[in-house]
N, C-alpha and C. Protein backbone atom coordinates (compact mmCIF):
# COMPACT_ATOMS: atom_id res chain seq x y z
N UNK A 1 77.15 93.86 115.52
CA UNK A 1 76.33 94.01 114.34
C UNK A 1 77.32 94.09 113.12
N UNK A 2 76.99 93.29 112.02
CA UNK A 2 77.76 93.33 110.84
C UNK A 2 77.29 94.50 109.95
N UNK A 3 78.21 95.26 109.46
CA UNK A 3 77.93 96.34 108.57
C UNK A 3 78.61 96.08 107.25
N UNK A 4 77.79 96.00 106.21
CA UNK A 4 78.34 95.79 104.92
C UNK A 4 78.49 97.09 104.16
N UNK A 5 79.62 97.37 103.72
CA UNK A 5 79.89 98.63 103.01
C UNK A 5 80.03 98.36 101.55
N UNK A 6 79.68 99.35 100.74
CA UNK A 6 79.79 99.26 99.30
C UNK A 6 81.26 99.41 98.92
N UNK A 7 81.69 98.66 97.90
CA UNK A 7 83.03 98.93 97.40
C UNK A 7 83.21 100.38 96.89
N UNK A 8 84.36 100.92 97.04
CA UNK A 8 84.67 102.27 96.65
C UNK A 8 85.44 102.31 95.34
N UNK A 9 84.99 103.15 94.46
CA UNK A 9 85.62 103.33 93.15
C UNK A 9 86.06 104.77 92.91
N UNK A 10 87.30 104.94 92.57
CA UNK A 10 87.82 106.27 92.19
C UNK A 10 87.82 106.47 90.69
N UNK A 11 87.29 107.57 90.22
CA UNK A 11 87.22 107.83 88.77
C UNK A 11 88.37 108.69 88.31
N UNK A 12 89.32 108.08 87.69
CA UNK A 12 90.56 108.83 87.19
C UNK A 12 90.50 109.09 85.74
N UNK A 13 91.22 110.12 85.32
CA UNK A 13 91.31 110.46 83.92
C UNK A 13 91.64 111.93 83.76
N UNK A 14 92.02 112.30 82.56
CA UNK A 14 92.49 113.67 82.36
C UNK A 14 91.32 114.71 82.55
N UNK A 15 91.72 115.87 83.00
CA UNK A 15 90.81 117.01 83.09
C UNK A 15 91.49 118.14 82.33
N UNK A 16 91.25 118.19 81.03
CA UNK A 16 91.88 119.10 80.18
C UNK A 16 91.08 120.42 80.14
N UNK A 17 91.77 121.57 80.33
CA UNK A 17 91.14 122.85 80.32
C UNK A 17 91.28 123.56 79.01
N UNK A 18 92.04 123.04 78.05
CA UNK A 18 92.22 123.74 76.80
C UNK A 18 91.00 123.77 75.94
N UNK A 19 90.14 122.76 76.10
CA UNK A 19 88.98 122.68 75.28
C UNK A 19 87.76 122.44 76.19
N UNK A 20 86.78 123.25 76.06
CA UNK A 20 85.52 123.13 76.88
C UNK A 20 84.87 121.80 76.54
N UNK A 21 84.96 121.38 75.27
CA UNK A 21 84.38 120.12 74.87
C UNK A 21 85.04 118.95 75.55
N UNK A 22 86.36 118.92 75.65
CA UNK A 22 87.10 117.88 76.28
C UNK A 22 86.81 117.90 77.76
N UNK A 23 86.77 119.06 78.41
CA UNK A 23 86.49 119.16 79.79
C UNK A 23 85.09 118.64 80.10
N UNK A 24 84.14 119.02 79.23
CA UNK A 24 82.74 118.51 79.45
C UNK A 24 82.68 117.01 79.30
N UNK A 25 83.41 116.42 78.40
CA UNK A 25 83.46 114.97 78.28
C UNK A 25 84.00 114.36 79.56
N UNK A 26 85.02 114.98 80.15
CA UNK A 26 85.59 114.48 81.41
C UNK A 26 84.59 114.52 82.44
N UNK A 27 83.74 115.57 82.55
CA UNK A 27 82.69 115.66 83.49
C UNK A 27 81.58 114.65 83.28
N UNK A 28 81.19 114.56 82.02
CA UNK A 28 80.00 113.79 81.63
C UNK A 28 80.18 112.26 81.95
N UNK A 29 81.33 111.69 81.54
CA UNK A 29 81.43 110.26 81.81
C UNK A 29 81.44 109.95 83.29
N UNK A 30 82.07 110.85 84.11
CA UNK A 30 82.05 110.66 85.54
C UNK A 30 80.63 110.77 86.12
N UNK A 31 79.89 111.75 85.69
CA UNK A 31 78.52 111.91 86.18
C UNK A 31 77.62 110.80 85.76
N UNK A 32 77.72 110.33 84.51
CA UNK A 32 76.94 109.19 84.05
C UNK A 32 77.27 107.94 84.89
N UNK A 33 78.52 107.61 85.04
CA UNK A 33 78.96 106.45 85.76
C UNK A 33 78.36 106.53 87.22
N UNK A 34 78.54 107.69 87.82
CA UNK A 34 78.04 107.87 89.19
C UNK A 34 76.55 107.60 89.28
N UNK A 35 75.80 108.21 88.39
CA UNK A 35 74.37 108.04 88.38
C UNK A 35 73.99 106.59 88.16
N UNK A 36 74.67 105.93 87.27
CA UNK A 36 74.35 104.55 86.94
C UNK A 36 74.68 103.52 88.05
N UNK A 37 75.70 103.83 88.83
CA UNK A 37 76.19 102.86 89.88
C UNK A 37 76.17 103.36 91.28
N UNK A 38 75.49 104.51 91.50
CA UNK A 38 75.49 105.07 92.86
C UNK A 38 74.91 104.17 93.91
N UNK A 39 74.02 103.23 93.52
CA UNK A 39 73.44 102.35 94.51
C UNK A 39 74.36 101.13 94.75
N UNK A 40 75.30 100.86 93.91
CA UNK A 40 76.13 99.70 94.01
C UNK A 40 77.50 99.96 94.59
N UNK A 41 78.01 101.26 94.41
CA UNK A 41 79.35 101.61 94.81
C UNK A 41 79.37 102.94 95.45
N UNK A 42 80.36 103.18 96.27
CA UNK A 42 80.65 104.57 96.72
C UNK A 42 81.62 105.07 95.67
N UNK A 43 81.27 106.15 95.03
CA UNK A 43 81.97 106.72 93.96
C UNK A 43 82.79 107.96 94.42
N UNK A 44 84.09 107.96 94.18
CA UNK A 44 84.94 109.09 94.52
C UNK A 44 85.24 109.81 93.16
N UNK A 45 84.70 110.93 92.98
CA UNK A 45 84.88 111.71 91.71
C UNK A 45 85.72 112.93 92.10
N UNK A 46 86.91 113.05 91.52
CA UNK A 46 87.78 114.19 91.87
C UNK A 46 87.11 115.58 91.54
N UNK A 47 86.11 115.58 90.73
CA UNK A 47 85.43 116.84 90.43
C UNK A 47 84.38 117.13 91.44
N UNK A 48 83.96 116.20 92.26
CA UNK A 48 82.91 116.39 93.24
C UNK A 48 83.43 115.96 94.63
N UNK A 49 84.24 116.79 95.18
CA UNK A 49 84.76 116.54 96.52
C UNK A 49 83.70 116.52 97.56
N UNK A 50 83.89 115.75 98.53
CA UNK A 50 82.93 115.65 99.67
C UNK A 50 83.11 116.95 100.49
N UNK A 51 82.00 117.45 100.98
CA UNK A 51 81.98 118.66 101.76
C UNK A 51 83.08 118.67 102.84
N UNK A 52 83.82 119.75 102.91
CA UNK A 52 84.86 119.83 103.95
C UNK A 52 86.26 119.47 103.41
N UNK A 53 86.34 118.79 102.24
CA UNK A 53 87.62 118.48 101.75
C UNK A 53 88.13 119.63 100.93
N UNK A 54 89.47 119.58 100.67
CA UNK A 54 90.07 120.64 99.88
C UNK A 54 89.45 120.50 98.45
N UNK A 55 88.89 121.55 98.05
CA UNK A 55 88.19 121.54 96.76
C UNK A 55 88.65 122.72 95.95
N UNK A 56 88.27 122.73 94.65
CA UNK A 56 88.64 123.86 93.85
C UNK A 56 87.40 124.26 93.01
N UNK A 57 87.08 125.52 93.14
CA UNK A 57 85.89 126.07 92.47
C UNK A 57 86.18 126.21 90.99
N UNK A 58 85.06 126.40 90.23
CA UNK A 58 85.23 126.61 88.78
C UNK A 58 86.09 127.87 88.49
N UNK A 59 85.89 128.92 89.32
CA UNK A 59 86.68 130.09 89.20
C UNK A 59 88.16 129.81 89.44
N UNK A 60 88.44 129.00 90.42
CA UNK A 60 89.80 128.64 90.74
C UNK A 60 90.46 127.79 89.62
N UNK A 61 89.60 126.93 88.99
CA UNK A 61 90.12 126.15 87.87
C UNK A 61 90.55 127.08 86.71
N UNK A 62 89.79 128.14 86.47
CA UNK A 62 90.15 129.13 85.44
C UNK A 62 91.46 129.78 85.81
N UNK A 63 91.55 130.18 87.09
CA UNK A 63 92.80 130.84 87.55
C UNK A 63 94.00 129.91 87.40
N UNK A 64 93.79 128.65 87.72
CA UNK A 64 94.86 127.61 87.60
C UNK A 64 95.29 127.50 86.12
N UNK A 65 94.31 127.38 85.26
CA UNK A 65 94.61 127.28 83.84
C UNK A 65 95.34 128.49 83.33
N UNK A 66 94.86 129.70 83.66
CA UNK A 66 95.46 130.94 83.22
C UNK A 66 96.87 131.10 83.73
N UNK A 67 97.03 130.68 85.06
CA UNK A 67 98.33 130.81 85.67
C UNK A 67 99.37 129.87 84.98
N UNK A 68 98.93 128.77 84.63
CA UNK A 68 99.82 127.80 83.89
C UNK A 68 100.20 128.36 82.53
N UNK A 69 99.25 128.99 81.87
CA UNK A 69 99.59 129.59 80.55
C UNK A 69 100.60 130.64 80.59
N UNK A 70 100.60 131.38 81.70
CA UNK A 70 101.57 132.54 81.79
C UNK A 70 102.82 132.16 82.62
N UNK A 71 103.04 130.87 82.86
CA UNK A 71 104.20 130.35 83.53
C UNK A 71 104.29 130.78 85.05
N UNK A 72 103.19 130.88 85.73
CA UNK A 72 103.14 131.24 87.08
C UNK A 72 103.18 129.98 87.97
N UNK A 73 104.42 129.46 88.15
CA UNK A 73 104.52 128.18 88.88
C UNK A 73 104.12 128.26 90.31
N UNK A 74 104.19 129.42 90.93
CA UNK A 74 103.84 129.54 92.33
C UNK A 74 102.32 129.27 92.55
N UNK A 75 101.52 129.91 91.74
CA UNK A 75 100.04 129.75 91.78
C UNK A 75 99.68 128.32 91.49
N UNK A 76 100.28 127.85 90.35
CA UNK A 76 99.96 126.50 89.94
C UNK A 76 100.33 125.47 91.04
N UNK A 77 101.48 125.64 91.65
CA UNK A 77 101.94 124.73 92.67
C UNK A 77 100.97 124.76 93.91
N UNK A 78 100.54 125.97 94.32
CA UNK A 78 99.71 126.13 95.50
C UNK A 78 98.35 125.39 95.20
N UNK A 79 97.75 125.61 94.07
CA UNK A 79 96.53 124.93 93.76
C UNK A 79 96.68 123.45 93.57
N UNK A 80 97.64 123.10 92.75
CA UNK A 80 97.87 121.71 92.38
C UNK A 80 98.19 120.84 93.64
N UNK A 81 99.00 121.32 94.52
CA UNK A 81 99.38 120.47 95.72
C UNK A 81 98.16 120.15 96.53
N UNK A 82 97.22 121.03 96.62
CA UNK A 82 95.97 120.72 97.38
C UNK A 82 95.15 119.67 96.63
N UNK A 83 95.05 119.84 95.36
CA UNK A 83 94.26 118.82 94.57
C UNK A 83 94.92 117.50 94.64
N UNK A 84 96.23 117.46 94.51
CA UNK A 84 97.02 116.21 94.51
C UNK A 84 96.75 115.47 95.83
N UNK A 85 96.89 116.13 96.91
CA UNK A 85 96.80 115.53 98.20
C UNK A 85 95.45 114.86 98.38
N UNK A 86 94.36 115.54 98.07
CA UNK A 86 93.04 114.97 98.23
C UNK A 86 92.80 113.80 97.23
N UNK A 87 93.25 113.96 96.00
CA UNK A 87 93.05 112.86 95.08
C UNK A 87 93.81 111.64 95.43
N UNK A 88 95.01 111.80 95.97
CA UNK A 88 95.77 110.61 96.40
C UNK A 88 95.15 109.94 97.58
N UNK A 89 94.58 110.78 98.50
CA UNK A 89 93.85 110.14 99.64
C UNK A 89 92.65 109.32 99.11
N UNK A 90 92.00 109.85 98.06
CA UNK A 90 90.90 109.10 97.45
C UNK A 90 91.41 107.78 96.91
N UNK A 91 92.55 107.69 96.30
CA UNK A 91 93.14 106.45 95.80
C UNK A 91 93.35 105.48 96.92
N UNK A 92 94.02 105.96 97.96
CA UNK A 92 94.35 105.11 99.10
C UNK A 92 93.08 104.52 99.71
N UNK A 93 91.99 105.22 99.65
CA UNK A 93 90.69 104.77 100.29
C UNK A 93 89.81 104.06 99.28
N UNK A 94 90.32 103.68 98.12
CA UNK A 94 89.48 103.07 97.07
C UNK A 94 89.73 101.52 97.04
N UNK A 95 88.72 100.86 96.58
CA UNK A 95 88.88 99.41 96.28
C UNK A 95 89.20 99.15 94.83
N UNK A 96 88.85 100.10 93.98
CA UNK A 96 89.11 100.03 92.52
C UNK A 96 89.38 101.43 91.98
N UNK A 97 90.08 101.48 90.89
CA UNK A 97 90.24 102.72 90.15
C UNK A 97 89.76 102.43 88.69
N UNK A 98 88.89 103.30 88.25
CA UNK A 98 88.53 103.26 86.85
C UNK A 98 89.14 104.49 86.19
N UNK A 99 89.97 104.20 85.17
CA UNK A 99 90.74 105.24 84.55
C UNK A 99 90.35 105.32 83.09
N UNK A 100 89.85 106.48 82.73
CA UNK A 100 89.52 106.79 81.35
C UNK A 100 90.66 107.38 80.60
N UNK A 101 91.15 106.80 79.52
CA UNK A 101 92.27 107.30 78.76
C UNK A 101 91.66 107.57 77.34
N UNK A 102 91.31 108.85 77.05
CA UNK A 102 90.70 109.15 75.74
C UNK A 102 91.67 108.98 74.58
N UNK A 103 91.14 108.91 73.43
CA UNK A 103 91.91 108.72 72.20
C UNK A 103 92.80 109.99 72.01
N UNK A 104 92.22 111.17 72.19
CA UNK A 104 92.96 112.43 72.04
C UNK A 104 94.08 112.48 73.04
N UNK A 105 95.27 112.82 72.55
CA UNK A 105 96.36 112.81 73.47
C UNK A 105 97.31 114.00 73.28
N UNK A 106 96.75 115.20 72.98
CA UNK A 106 97.61 116.35 72.79
C UNK A 106 97.70 117.10 74.08
N UNK A 107 97.55 116.49 75.26
CA UNK A 107 97.70 117.21 76.57
C UNK A 107 98.32 116.22 77.50
N UNK A 108 98.92 116.71 78.57
CA UNK A 108 99.62 115.93 79.53
C UNK A 108 98.61 115.13 80.46
N UNK A 109 99.02 113.98 80.81
CA UNK A 109 98.20 113.15 81.73
C UNK A 109 99.02 112.73 82.94
N UNK A 110 100.00 113.52 83.36
CA UNK A 110 100.83 113.01 84.44
C UNK A 110 100.09 112.77 85.74
N UNK A 111 99.11 113.49 86.02
CA UNK A 111 98.30 113.18 87.27
C UNK A 111 97.59 111.88 87.22
N UNK A 112 97.01 111.62 86.05
CA UNK A 112 96.30 110.38 85.83
C UNK A 112 97.27 109.18 85.96
N UNK A 113 98.43 109.29 85.30
CA UNK A 113 99.41 108.23 85.43
C UNK A 113 99.93 108.06 86.81
N UNK A 114 100.10 109.17 87.52
CA UNK A 114 100.47 109.02 88.93
C UNK A 114 99.49 108.37 89.80
N UNK A 115 98.22 108.60 89.50
CA UNK A 115 97.15 107.93 90.29
C UNK A 115 97.13 106.42 90.02
N UNK A 116 97.37 106.07 88.70
CA UNK A 116 97.44 104.61 88.35
C UNK A 116 98.60 103.96 89.09
N UNK A 117 99.74 104.68 89.07
CA UNK A 117 100.92 104.07 89.69
C UNK A 117 100.75 103.88 91.17
N UNK A 118 100.11 104.87 91.87
CA UNK A 118 99.90 104.69 93.26
C UNK A 118 98.97 103.49 93.52
N UNK A 119 97.89 103.44 92.79
CA UNK A 119 96.91 102.31 92.92
C UNK A 119 97.63 101.03 92.73
N UNK A 120 98.42 100.88 91.68
CA UNK A 120 99.11 99.64 91.42
C UNK A 120 100.04 99.32 92.54
N UNK A 121 100.75 100.27 93.04
CA UNK A 121 101.68 100.09 94.18
C UNK A 121 100.93 99.58 95.43
N UNK A 122 99.70 100.08 95.61
CA UNK A 122 98.92 99.71 96.81
C UNK A 122 98.14 98.37 96.57
N UNK A 123 98.23 97.84 95.37
CA UNK A 123 97.50 96.60 95.09
C UNK A 123 96.00 96.83 94.74
N UNK A 124 95.67 98.03 94.35
CA UNK A 124 94.27 98.44 94.06
C UNK A 124 94.10 98.18 92.54
N UNK A 125 93.13 97.34 92.10
CA UNK A 125 92.93 97.13 90.70
C UNK A 125 92.62 98.36 89.90
N UNK A 126 93.29 98.51 88.74
CA UNK A 126 93.14 99.66 87.88
C UNK A 126 92.50 99.15 86.55
N UNK A 127 91.25 99.62 86.34
CA UNK A 127 90.48 99.26 85.15
C UNK A 127 90.61 100.37 84.16
N UNK A 128 91.28 100.18 83.05
CA UNK A 128 91.47 101.24 82.03
C UNK A 128 90.42 101.10 81.02
N UNK A 129 89.81 102.24 80.66
CA UNK A 129 88.87 102.29 79.55
C UNK A 129 89.47 103.24 78.54
N UNK A 130 89.75 102.69 77.34
CA UNK A 130 90.35 103.51 76.28
C UNK A 130 90.03 102.98 74.92
N UNK A 131 89.78 103.92 74.02
CA UNK A 131 89.54 103.52 72.62
C UNK A 131 90.86 103.55 71.80
N UNK A 132 91.97 103.72 72.54
CA UNK A 132 93.29 103.69 71.86
C UNK A 132 93.67 102.22 71.58
N UNK A 133 94.50 102.11 70.57
CA UNK A 133 95.12 100.78 70.31
C UNK A 133 96.09 100.51 71.49
N UNK A 134 96.35 99.34 71.77
CA UNK A 134 97.27 98.94 72.87
C UNK A 134 98.60 99.57 72.62
N UNK A 135 99.10 99.63 71.36
CA UNK A 135 100.37 100.21 71.09
C UNK A 135 100.42 101.71 71.36
N UNK A 136 99.23 102.35 71.51
CA UNK A 136 99.18 103.79 71.74
C UNK A 136 98.91 104.07 73.23
N UNK A 137 98.95 103.11 74.05
CA UNK A 137 98.78 103.27 75.50
C UNK A 137 100.18 103.14 76.12
N UNK A 138 100.61 104.02 76.96
CA UNK A 138 101.99 103.98 77.50
C UNK A 138 102.21 102.64 78.25
N UNK A 139 103.35 102.08 77.99
CA UNK A 139 103.73 100.79 78.58
C UNK A 139 103.62 100.81 80.13
N UNK A 140 103.97 101.94 80.68
CA UNK A 140 103.86 102.11 82.17
C UNK A 140 102.43 101.89 82.64
N UNK A 141 101.42 102.50 81.91
CA UNK A 141 100.08 102.40 82.32
C UNK A 141 99.61 100.97 82.10
N UNK A 142 99.98 100.34 80.98
CA UNK A 142 99.63 98.97 80.77
C UNK A 142 100.12 98.10 81.95
N UNK A 143 101.30 98.36 82.40
CA UNK A 143 101.84 97.62 83.59
C UNK A 143 101.10 97.83 84.81
N UNK A 144 100.51 99.00 84.99
CA UNK A 144 99.75 99.35 86.20
C UNK A 144 98.33 98.79 86.14
N UNK A 145 97.88 98.48 84.89
CA UNK A 145 96.44 98.09 84.73
C UNK A 145 96.17 96.65 85.12
N UNK A 146 94.90 96.39 85.49
CA UNK A 146 94.45 95.09 85.76
C UNK A 146 93.80 94.53 84.51
N UNK A 147 93.08 95.40 83.79
CA UNK A 147 92.43 95.04 82.54
C UNK A 147 92.29 96.36 81.72
N UNK A 148 92.29 96.21 80.35
CA UNK A 148 92.08 97.39 79.48
C UNK A 148 90.82 97.05 78.67
N UNK A 149 89.87 97.92 78.75
CA UNK A 149 88.56 97.76 78.03
C UNK A 149 88.46 98.83 76.99
N UNK A 150 87.84 98.54 75.88
CA UNK A 150 87.77 99.44 74.73
C UNK A 150 86.65 100.47 74.76
N UNK A 151 85.72 100.37 75.70
CA UNK A 151 84.58 101.28 75.69
C UNK A 151 83.90 101.29 77.06
N UNK A 152 83.07 102.25 77.31
CA UNK A 152 82.28 102.23 78.52
C UNK A 152 81.23 101.11 78.54
N UNK A 153 80.80 100.73 77.35
CA UNK A 153 79.88 99.61 77.24
C UNK A 153 80.60 98.30 77.78
N UNK A 154 81.86 98.08 77.34
CA UNK A 154 82.63 96.98 77.89
C UNK A 154 82.85 97.12 79.39
N UNK A 155 83.03 98.34 79.87
CA UNK A 155 83.23 98.53 81.32
C UNK A 155 81.92 98.11 82.05
N UNK A 156 80.79 98.50 81.60
CA UNK A 156 79.54 98.21 82.22
C UNK A 156 79.34 96.69 82.22
N UNK A 157 79.62 96.04 81.11
CA UNK A 157 79.54 94.58 81.02
C UNK A 157 80.51 93.90 82.05
N UNK A 158 81.71 94.43 82.13
CA UNK A 158 82.73 93.91 83.05
C UNK A 158 82.23 94.01 84.49
N UNK A 159 81.68 95.19 84.85
CA UNK A 159 81.25 95.42 86.24
C UNK A 159 80.03 94.50 86.56
N UNK A 160 79.09 94.37 85.63
CA UNK A 160 77.84 93.68 85.83
C UNK A 160 77.97 92.16 85.75
N UNK A 161 79.15 91.63 85.36
CA UNK A 161 79.24 90.17 85.34
C UNK A 161 79.29 89.60 86.71
């Protein structure tokens, strides 16, 4: 029997804890994309781990943020290594990566760039969505990308063609 499986998409992008507004934006674009395309793709959202996977609760996210602010590298390493392992497994099991790179850039994006690099290395297309000018996107990320789109509207058009 032939089984047709849906392509798998991993949703990459920064998860900034300094601003509730920025964090909510990171949640909202992922949830909207998932809702809009859940029938067409298997969506891997790092904020919505599948039951049984290493996950991090909202309380743990606060602890991680607070530990980082007070230079507690042991707690940060313990939490982060679990998150990293699962997120990288998601990349390995994806057919595509959609990476949102917001205009605001006053926080680190090393996890996001690491995910793009792994996807590139594995030959997985990386679709970047950013309202930044090309000159404001790191050259490394441009090199890892398959295409750079200026908005989620362009992303939807790209997917639906």
